Amino acid sequence: MDDPYLALQVLMMPKDANPVPTLHGSAPNTLFQTIFGGILLSYIDQAGAIGARHAIVKGGGAEPHLVTVALNRVEFLRPVLVGDVVRFLTRVERVGRTSVTVKVKVEAERGPQTHHVTEAEVVYVNVDPSTPERRPVPIQGMAREG
């Protein structure tokens, strides 16, 4: 199996934070700005699509036109804070005739420490963007599950 692919790396900014600062156990009596979960979900979706496209093209396929079908099982294990550098690592788990499933692992780098924040499985379908129906079309160039 291939090594994880670094699809995105993002510095979390105050604009990405929840509206109310919260206490964090590592520094009592200190307020921290935590990142809104929807921001992370958006980056997970983007990273998964980038990782899937990278794997398909690297496998010899044509650049796909992927749409998100499902984002499965996201549980936030640790908070992400303003100032963290967040990495989104991807690995293709399954390739079907028209779909690809990607695992996205999310890590937050905070000073010298790296924290596993969450992971998700994202399913994409390759579509034909030239038609109004955007029907699924086969993914070219990758080994498929039997």
N, C-alpha and C. Protein backbone atom coordinates (compact mmCIF):
# COMPACT_ATOMS: atom_id res chain seq x y z
N MET A 1 0.85 -1.19 0.00
CA MET A 1 0.00 0.00 0.00
C MET A 1 0.88 1.24 0.00
N ASP A 2 0.47 2.26 -0.72
CA ASP A 2 1.24 3.49 -0.82
C ASP A 2 1.30 4.23 0.51
N ASP A 3 2.33 5.05 0.65
CA ASP A 3 2.43 5.93 1.81
C ASP A 3 1.32 6.96 1.75
N PRO A 4 0.94 7.52 2.91
CA PRO A 4 -0.06 8.59 2.88
C PRO A 4 0.42 9.77 2.04
N TYR A 5 -0.51 10.44 1.41
CA TYR A 5 -0.22 11.60 0.57
C TYR A 5 -0.64 12.86 1.33
N LEU A 6 0.27 13.81 1.46
CA LEU A 6 -0.05 15.08 2.10
C LEU A 6 -0.82 15.93 1.10
N ALA A 7 -2.14 15.93 1.24
CA ALA A 7 -3.00 16.62 0.28
C ALA A 7 -3.15 18.10 0.60
N LEU A 8 -3.18 18.44 1.89
CA LEU A 8 -3.32 19.84 2.32
C LEU A 8 -2.56 20.06 3.62
N GLN A 9 -2.12 21.28 3.80
CA GLN A 9 -1.53 21.70 5.07
C GLN A 9 -1.95 23.15 5.25
N VAL A 10 -2.61 23.44 6.39
CA VAL A 10 -3.24 24.75 6.56
C VAL A 10 -2.93 25.31 7.95
N LEU A 11 -2.60 26.59 8.01
CA LEU A 11 -2.45 27.29 9.28
C LEU A 11 -3.83 27.78 9.71
N MET A 12 -4.27 27.40 10.90
CA MET A 12 -5.59 27.80 11.38
C MET A 12 -5.54 29.25 11.86
N MET A 13 -6.48 30.02 11.38
CA MET A 13 -6.52 31.47 11.61
C MET A 13 -7.73 31.84 12.47
N PRO A 14 -7.71 33.04 13.07
CA PRO A 14 -8.84 33.48 13.90
C PRO A 14 -10.18 33.45 13.16
N LYS A 15 -10.19 33.68 11.85
CA LYS A 15 -11.44 33.66 11.08
C LYS A 15 -12.09 32.28 11.09
N ASP A 16 -11.30 31.22 11.39
CA ASP A 16 -11.80 29.85 11.39
C ASP A 16 -12.33 29.40 12.74
N ALA A 17 -12.26 30.29 13.75
CA ALA A 17 -12.54 29.90 15.13
C ALA A 17 -14.03 29.98 15.48
N ASN A 18 -14.38 29.19 16.50
CA ASN A 18 -15.70 29.31 17.11
C ASN A 18 -15.81 30.70 17.72
N PRO A 19 -17.02 31.22 17.90
CA PRO A 19 -17.18 32.60 18.38
C PRO A 19 -16.78 32.82 19.83
N VAL A 20 -16.78 31.79 20.65
CA VAL A 20 -16.48 31.97 22.07
C VAL A 20 -15.23 31.18 22.44
N PRO A 21 -14.19 31.85 22.96
CA PRO A 21 -12.99 31.13 23.40
C PRO A 21 -13.33 30.15 24.53
N THR A 22 -12.54 29.08 24.64
CA THR A 22 -12.77 28.06 25.66
C THR A 22 -11.50 27.78 26.43
N LEU A 23 -11.67 27.19 27.63
CA LEU A 23 -10.53 26.75 28.42
C LEU A 23 -9.99 25.47 27.81
N HIS A 24 -8.69 25.29 27.92
CA HIS A 24 -8.04 24.08 27.41
C HIS A 24 -7.21 23.50 28.54
N GLY A 25 -7.31 22.19 28.75
CA GLY A 25 -6.68 21.53 29.89
C GLY A 25 -5.19 21.70 30.00
N SER A 26 -4.47 21.91 28.89
CA SER A 26 -3.02 21.99 28.95
C SER A 26 -2.52 23.28 29.57
N ALA A 27 -3.36 24.29 29.66
CA ALA A 27 -2.96 25.57 30.25
C ALA A 27 -4.14 26.13 31.05
N PRO A 28 -4.26 25.71 32.32
CA PRO A 28 -5.39 26.17 33.13
C PRO A 28 -5.49 27.70 33.17
N ASN A 29 -6.71 28.18 33.23
CA ASN A 29 -7.00 29.61 33.29
C ASN A 29 -6.59 30.39 32.05
N THR A 30 -6.40 29.69 30.94
CA THR A 30 -6.06 30.34 29.68
C THR A 30 -7.16 30.03 28.67
N LEU A 31 -7.63 31.06 28.01
CA LEU A 31 -8.65 30.88 26.99
C LEU A 31 -8.00 30.64 25.63
N PHE A 32 -8.55 29.69 24.87
CA PHE A 32 -8.06 29.37 23.54
C PHE A 32 -9.20 29.51 22.55
N GLN A 33 -8.86 29.88 21.34
CA GLN A 33 -9.84 29.90 20.26
C GLN A 33 -9.77 28.56 19.55
N THR A 34 -10.86 27.80 19.65
CA THR A 34 -10.94 26.51 18.97
C THR A 34 -11.54 26.69 17.59
N ILE A 35 -11.16 25.80 16.70
CA ILE A 35 -11.61 25.89 15.30
C ILE A 35 -12.99 25.26 15.14
N PHE A 36 -13.84 25.91 14.39
CA PHE A 36 -15.19 25.43 14.08
C PHE A 36 -15.08 24.11 13.31
N GLY A 37 -15.79 23.09 13.74
CA GLY A 37 -15.72 21.76 13.12
C GLY A 37 -16.06 21.76 11.64
N GLY A 38 -16.97 22.63 11.22
CA GLY A 38 -17.34 22.69 9.80
C GLY A 38 -16.18 23.09 8.90
N ILE A 39 -15.29 23.91 9.43
CA ILE A 39 -14.08 24.29 8.68
C ILE A 39 -13.25 23.04 8.41
N LEU A 40 -13.07 22.22 9.45
CA LEU A 40 -12.28 21.00 9.30
C LEU A 40 -12.96 20.02 8.35
N LEU A 41 -14.30 19.92 8.43
CA LEU A 41 -15.02 19.04 7.50
C LEU A 41 -14.81 19.47 6.05
N SER A 42 -14.83 20.75 5.80
CA SER A 42 -14.60 21.27 4.46
C SER A 42 -13.20 20.91 3.97
N TYR A 43 -12.20 21.08 4.84
CA TYR A 43 -10.83 20.72 4.45
C TYR A 43 -10.69 19.21 4.24
N ILE A 44 -11.38 18.40 5.05
CA ILE A 44 -11.35 16.94 4.87
C ILE A 44 -11.87 16.59 3.48
N ASP A 45 -12.98 17.21 3.08
CA ASP A 45 -13.57 16.94 1.77
C ASP A 45 -12.61 17.36 0.66
N GLN A 46 -12.02 18.55 0.78
CA GLN A 46 -11.07 19.02 -0.22
C GLN A 46 -9.85 18.11 -0.31
N ALA A 47 -9.29 17.76 0.84
CA ALA A 47 -8.10 16.91 0.88
C ALA A 47 -8.37 15.54 0.27
N GLY A 48 -9.53 14.98 0.59
CA GLY A 48 -9.88 13.68 0.03
C GLY A 48 -9.95 13.72 -1.49
N ALA A 49 -10.57 14.77 -2.02
CA ALA A 49 -10.69 14.90 -3.48
C ALA A 49 -9.32 15.09 -4.12
N ILE A 50 -8.48 15.90 -3.49
CA ILE A 50 -7.11 16.11 -4.01
C ILE A 50 -6.33 14.81 -3.97
N GLY A 51 -6.43 14.07 -2.85
CA GLY A 51 -5.73 12.80 -2.73
C GLY A 51 -6.21 11.77 -3.73
N ALA A 52 -7.52 11.70 -3.95
CA ALA A 52 -8.08 10.76 -4.92
C ALA A 52 -7.60 11.11 -6.33
N ARG A 53 -7.69 12.39 -6.67
CA ARG A 53 -7.26 12.83 -8.01
C ARG A 53 -5.78 12.52 -8.22
N HIS A 54 -4.96 12.79 -7.21
CA HIS A 54 -3.53 12.51 -7.29
C HIS A 54 -3.28 11.02 -7.56
N ALA A 55 -3.97 10.16 -6.81
CA ALA A 55 -3.77 8.71 -6.96
C ALA A 55 -4.22 8.22 -8.33
N ILE A 56 -5.32 8.74 -8.82
CA ILE A 56 -5.84 8.32 -10.13
C ILE A 56 -4.88 8.73 -11.24
N VAL A 57 -4.43 9.97 -11.21
CA VAL A 57 -3.51 10.46 -12.24
C VAL A 57 -2.17 9.73 -12.13
N LYS A 58 -1.67 9.54 -10.91
CA LYS A 58 -0.41 8.82 -10.70
C LYS A 58 -0.53 7.38 -11.21
N GLY A 59 -1.73 6.80 -11.11
CA GLY A 59 -1.97 5.45 -11.61
C GLY A 59 -2.14 5.36 -13.11
N GLY A 60 -2.01 6.50 -13.81
CA GLY A 60 -2.10 6.49 -15.26
C GLY A 60 -3.45 6.88 -15.81
N GLY A 61 -4.37 7.25 -14.94
CA GLY A 61 -5.71 7.62 -15.39
C GLY A 61 -5.82 9.07 -15.81
N ALA A 62 -6.92 9.36 -16.49
CA ALA A 62 -7.22 10.73 -16.86
C ALA A 62 -7.68 11.48 -15.61
N GLU A 63 -7.49 12.79 -15.61
CA GLU A 63 -7.91 13.58 -14.45
C GLU A 63 -9.42 13.44 -14.28
N PRO A 64 -9.85 12.98 -13.10
CA PRO A 64 -11.28 12.74 -12.89
C PRO A 64 -12.02 14.03 -12.52
N HIS A 65 -13.34 13.98 -12.61
CA HIS A 65 -14.22 15.05 -12.16
C HIS A 65 -15.03 14.45 -11.00
N LEU A 66 -14.54 14.64 -9.79
CA LEU A 66 -15.09 13.96 -8.63
C LEU A 66 -16.12 14.81 -7.90
N VAL A 67 -17.20 14.17 -7.47
CA VAL A 67 -18.18 14.80 -6.59
C VAL A 67 -18.29 13.95 -5.33
N THR A 68 -18.54 14.59 -4.23
CA THR A 68 -18.63 13.91 -2.94
C THR A 68 -19.96 13.19 -2.81
N VAL A 69 -19.90 11.93 -2.40
CA VAL A 69 -21.11 11.13 -2.17
C VAL A 69 -21.35 10.97 -0.67
N ALA A 70 -20.28 10.73 0.09
CA ALA A 70 -20.45 10.49 1.53
C ALA A 70 -19.19 10.88 2.29
N LEU A 71 -19.40 11.34 3.50
CA LEU A 71 -18.34 11.62 4.46
C LEU A 71 -18.70 10.79 5.68
N ASN A 72 -17.94 9.74 5.92
CA ASN A 72 -18.30 8.76 6.95
C ASN A 72 -17.47 8.90 8.22
N ARG A 73 -18.15 8.74 9.33
CA ARG A 73 -17.57 8.60 10.66
C ARG A 73 -16.47 9.62 10.97
N VAL A 74 -16.88 10.80 11.34
CA VAL A 74 -15.94 11.83 11.78
C VAL A 74 -16.20 12.06 13.26
N GLU A 75 -15.19 11.80 14.06
CA GLU A 75 -15.27 12.05 15.49
C GLU A 75 -14.05 12.88 15.87
N PHE A 76 -14.31 14.07 16.42
CA PHE A 76 -13.21 14.95 16.80
C PHE A 76 -12.63 14.47 18.12
N LEU A 77 -11.36 14.04 18.09
CA LEU A 77 -10.70 13.47 19.26
C LEU A 77 -10.04 14.53 20.13
N ARG A 78 -9.58 15.61 19.50
CA ARG A 78 -8.91 16.71 20.20
C ARG A 78 -9.33 18.02 19.54
N PRO A 79 -9.30 19.10 20.29
CA PRO A 79 -9.60 20.39 19.67
C PRO A 79 -8.44 20.84 18.78
N VAL A 80 -8.78 21.61 17.77
CA VAL A 80 -7.79 22.28 16.94
C VAL A 80 -7.85 23.74 17.33
N LEU A 81 -6.69 24.36 17.50
CA LEU A 81 -6.61 25.72 18.00
C LEU A 81 -6.10 26.68 16.93
N VAL A 82 -6.49 27.94 17.07
CA VAL A 82 -5.92 28.98 16.21
C VAL A 82 -4.41 28.92 16.38
N GLY A 83 -3.70 28.95 15.27
CA GLY A 83 -2.24 28.86 15.29
C GLY A 83 -1.71 27.47 15.00
N ASP A 84 -2.55 26.44 15.10
CA ASP A 84 -2.11 25.09 14.76
C ASP A 84 -1.89 24.99 13.24
N VAL A 85 -0.89 24.20 12.85
CA VAL A 85 -0.73 23.83 11.45
C VAL A 85 -1.38 22.46 11.32
N VAL A 86 -2.41 22.37 10.48
CA VAL A 86 -3.18 21.15 10.36
C VAL A 86 -2.85 20.47 9.04
N ARG A 87 -2.50 19.18 9.14
CA ARG A 87 -2.16 18.37 7.97
C ARG A 87 -3.28 17.40 7.66
N PHE A 88 -3.57 17.23 6.39
CA PHE A 88 -4.60 16.32 5.92
C PHE A 88 -3.91 15.28 5.03
N LEU A 89 -3.74 14.08 5.56
CA LEU A 89 -3.05 13.00 4.88
C LEU A 89 -4.07 12.03 4.31
N THR A 90 -3.87 11.62 3.06
CA THR A 90 -4.87 10.77 2.41
C THR A 90 -4.26 9.45 1.96
N ARG A 91 -5.15 8.47 1.87
CA ARG A 91 -4.78 7.15 1.34
C ARG A 91 -6.03 6.57 0.67
N VAL A 92 -5.86 6.13 -0.57
CA VAL A 92 -6.98 5.51 -1.28
C VAL A 92 -7.22 4.14 -0.67
N GLU A 93 -8.47 3.90 -0.25
CA GLU A 93 -8.84 2.62 0.38
C GLU A 93 -9.46 1.65 -0.62
N ARG A 94 -10.32 2.17 -1.51
CA ARG A 94 -11.02 1.33 -2.48
C ARG A 94 -11.25 2.11 -3.77
N VAL A 95 -11.21 1.37 -4.86
CA VAL A 95 -11.56 1.96 -6.15
C VAL A 95 -12.59 1.04 -6.79
N GLY A 96 -13.74 1.60 -7.10
CA GLY A 96 -14.78 0.86 -7.80
C GLY A 96 -14.78 1.25 -9.27
N ARG A 97 -15.83 0.89 -9.97
CA ARG A 97 -15.91 1.22 -11.39
C ARG A 97 -15.99 2.73 -11.60
N THR A 98 -16.85 3.41 -10.80
CA THR A 98 -17.02 4.86 -10.95
C THR A 98 -16.70 5.62 -9.67
N SER A 99 -16.40 4.90 -8.58
CA SER A 99 -16.20 5.56 -7.29
C SER A 99 -14.82 5.27 -6.72
N VAL A 100 -14.41 6.14 -5.81
CA VAL A 100 -13.16 5.97 -5.09
C VAL A 100 -13.40 6.37 -3.63
N THR A 101 -12.88 5.55 -2.72
CA THR A 101 -13.02 5.81 -1.29
C THR A 101 -11.64 6.16 -0.74
N VAL A 102 -11.58 7.26 -0.02
CA VAL A 102 -10.32 7.79 0.48
C VAL A 102 -10.40 7.94 1.99
N LYS A 103 -9.36 7.52 2.71
CA LYS A 103 -9.26 7.77 4.14
C LYS A 103 -8.44 9.04 4.31
N VAL A 104 -8.96 9.96 5.12
CA VAL A 104 -8.27 11.22 5.40
C VAL A 104 -7.94 11.25 6.89
N LYS A 105 -6.66 11.36 7.20
CA LYS A 105 -6.20 11.47 8.59
C LYS A 105 -5.82 12.93 8.83
N VAL A 106 -6.27 13.48 9.96
CA VAL A 106 -6.04 14.89 10.27
C VAL A 106 -5.14 14.99 11.49
N GLU A 107 -4.05 15.74 11.34
CA GLU A 107 -3.09 15.97 12.42
C GLU A 107 -2.92 17.46 12.64
N ALA A 108 -2.81 17.87 13.92
CA ALA A 108 -2.55 19.27 14.25
C ALA A 108 -1.17 19.38 14.87
N GLU A 109 -0.34 20.20 14.26
CA GLU A 109 1.00 20.46 14.78
C GLU A 109 0.91 21.69 15.67
N ARG A 110 1.24 21.51 16.92
CA ARG A 110 1.17 22.58 17.91
C ARG A 110 2.52 22.63 18.61
N GLY A 111 3.36 23.59 18.22
CA GLY A 111 4.72 23.63 18.76
C GLY A 111 5.46 22.36 18.37
N PRO A 112 6.13 21.72 19.34
CA PRO A 112 6.89 20.50 19.00
C PRO A 112 6.02 19.24 18.94
N GLN A 113 4.74 19.36 19.28
CA GLN A 113 3.88 18.18 19.34
C GLN A 113 2.95 18.10 18.13
N THR A 114 2.65 16.85 17.76
CA THR A 114 1.66 16.60 16.71
C THR A 114 0.55 15.77 17.32
N HIS A 115 -0.69 16.23 17.14
CA HIS A 115 -1.85 15.56 17.72
C HIS A 115 -2.73 14.98 16.61
N HIS A 116 -3.14 13.72 16.79
CA HIS A 116 -4.12 13.11 15.88
C HIS A 116 -5.47 13.72 16.25
N VAL A 117 -6.08 14.43 15.33
CA VAL A 117 -7.32 15.16 15.60
C VAL A 117 -8.55 14.34 15.24
N THR A 118 -8.55 13.78 14.04
CA THR A 118 -9.68 13.00 13.57
C THR A 118 -9.27 12.26 12.31
N GLU A 119 -10.16 11.45 11.81
CA GLU A 119 -10.00 10.84 10.49
C GLU A 119 -11.39 10.60 9.95
N ALA A 120 -11.45 10.42 8.66
CA ALA A 120 -12.74 10.20 8.00
C ALA A 120 -12.52 9.37 6.75
N GLU A 121 -13.59 8.75 6.32
CA GLU A 121 -13.61 8.04 5.05
C GLU A 121 -14.54 8.85 4.15
N VAL A 122 -14.04 9.20 2.96
CA VAL A 122 -14.83 10.02 2.04
C VAL A 122 -14.98 9.25 0.73
N VAL A 123 -16.20 9.23 0.21
CA VAL A 123 -16.49 8.53 -1.03
C VAL A 123 -16.82 9.56 -2.11
N TYR A 124 -16.16 9.40 -3.26
CA TYR A 124 -16.37 10.29 -4.41
C TYR A 124 -16.81 9.45 -5.60
N VAL A 125 -17.55 10.08 -6.50
CA VAL A 125 -17.93 9.46 -7.76
C VAL A 125 -17.39 10.33 -8.89
N ASN A 126 -16.86 9.68 -9.91
CA ASN A 126 -16.37 10.36 -11.10
C ASN A 126 -17.56 10.62 -12.01
N VAL A 127 -17.76 11.87 -12.41
CA VAL A 127 -18.91 12.22 -13.25
C VAL A 127 -18.46 12.87 -14.56
N ASP A 128 -19.38 12.87 -15.51
CA ASP A 128 -19.17 13.56 -16.78
C ASP A 128 -19.72 14.98 -16.61
N PRO A 129 -18.83 15.97 -16.51
CA PRO A 129 -19.30 17.35 -16.27
C PRO A 129 -19.88 18.03 -17.51
N SER A 130 -19.76 17.38 -18.67
CA SER A 130 -20.21 18.02 -19.91
C SER A 130 -21.70 17.83 -20.17
N THR A 131 -22.36 17.06 -19.31
CA THR A 131 -23.80 16.84 -19.50
C THR A 131 -24.56 17.37 -18.29
N PRO A 132 -25.79 17.80 -18.47
CA PRO A 132 -26.57 18.31 -17.34
C PRO A 132 -26.83 17.24 -16.27
N GLU A 133 -26.89 15.99 -16.68
CA GLU A 133 -27.19 14.91 -15.72
C GLU A 133 -25.99 14.57 -14.85
N ARG A 134 -24.79 14.92 -15.30
CA ARG A 134 -23.55 14.61 -14.58
C ARG A 134 -23.54 13.14 -14.15
N ARG A 135 -23.77 12.27 -15.09
CA ARG A 135 -23.83 10.82 -14.82
C ARG A 135 -22.46 10.29 -14.44
N PRO A 136 -22.45 9.26 -13.56
CA PRO A 136 -21.17 8.62 -13.22
C PRO A 136 -20.52 7.99 -14.45
N VAL A 137 -19.21 8.11 -14.52
CA VAL A 137 -18.43 7.51 -15.60
C VAL A 137 -17.28 6.72 -14.98
N PRO A 138 -16.80 5.70 -15.68
CA PRO A 138 -15.72 4.87 -15.12
C PRO A 138 -14.45 5.66 -14.82
N ILE A 139 -13.78 5.23 -13.77
CA ILE A 139 -12.46 5.77 -13.42
C ILE A 139 -11.44 4.97 -14.22
N GLN A 140 -10.61 5.67 -14.95
CA GLN A 140 -9.61 5.02 -15.80
C GLN A 140 -8.26 4.94 -15.09
N GLY A 141 -7.55 3.84 -15.29
CA GLY A 141 -6.14 3.78 -14.91
C GLY A 141 -5.82 3.29 -13.52
N MET A 142 -6.79 2.80 -12.75
CA MET A 142 -6.47 2.32 -11.40
C MET A 142 -6.99 0.90 -11.24
N ALA A 143 -6.26 0.12 -10.43
CA ALA A 143 -6.73 -1.23 -10.10
C ALA A 143 -8.00 -1.12 -9.28
N ARG A 144 -8.94 -2.00 -9.55
CA ARG A 144 -10.23 -1.99 -8.84
C ARG A 144 -10.32 -3.16 -7.88
N GLU A 145 -11.22 -2.97 -6.92
CA GLU A 145 -11.52 -4.08 -6.01
C GLU A 145 -12.24 -5.15 -6.80
N GLY A 146 -11.95 -6.39 -6.46
CA GLY A 146 -12.57 -7.50 -7.17
C GLY A 146 -13.88 -7.80 -6.67
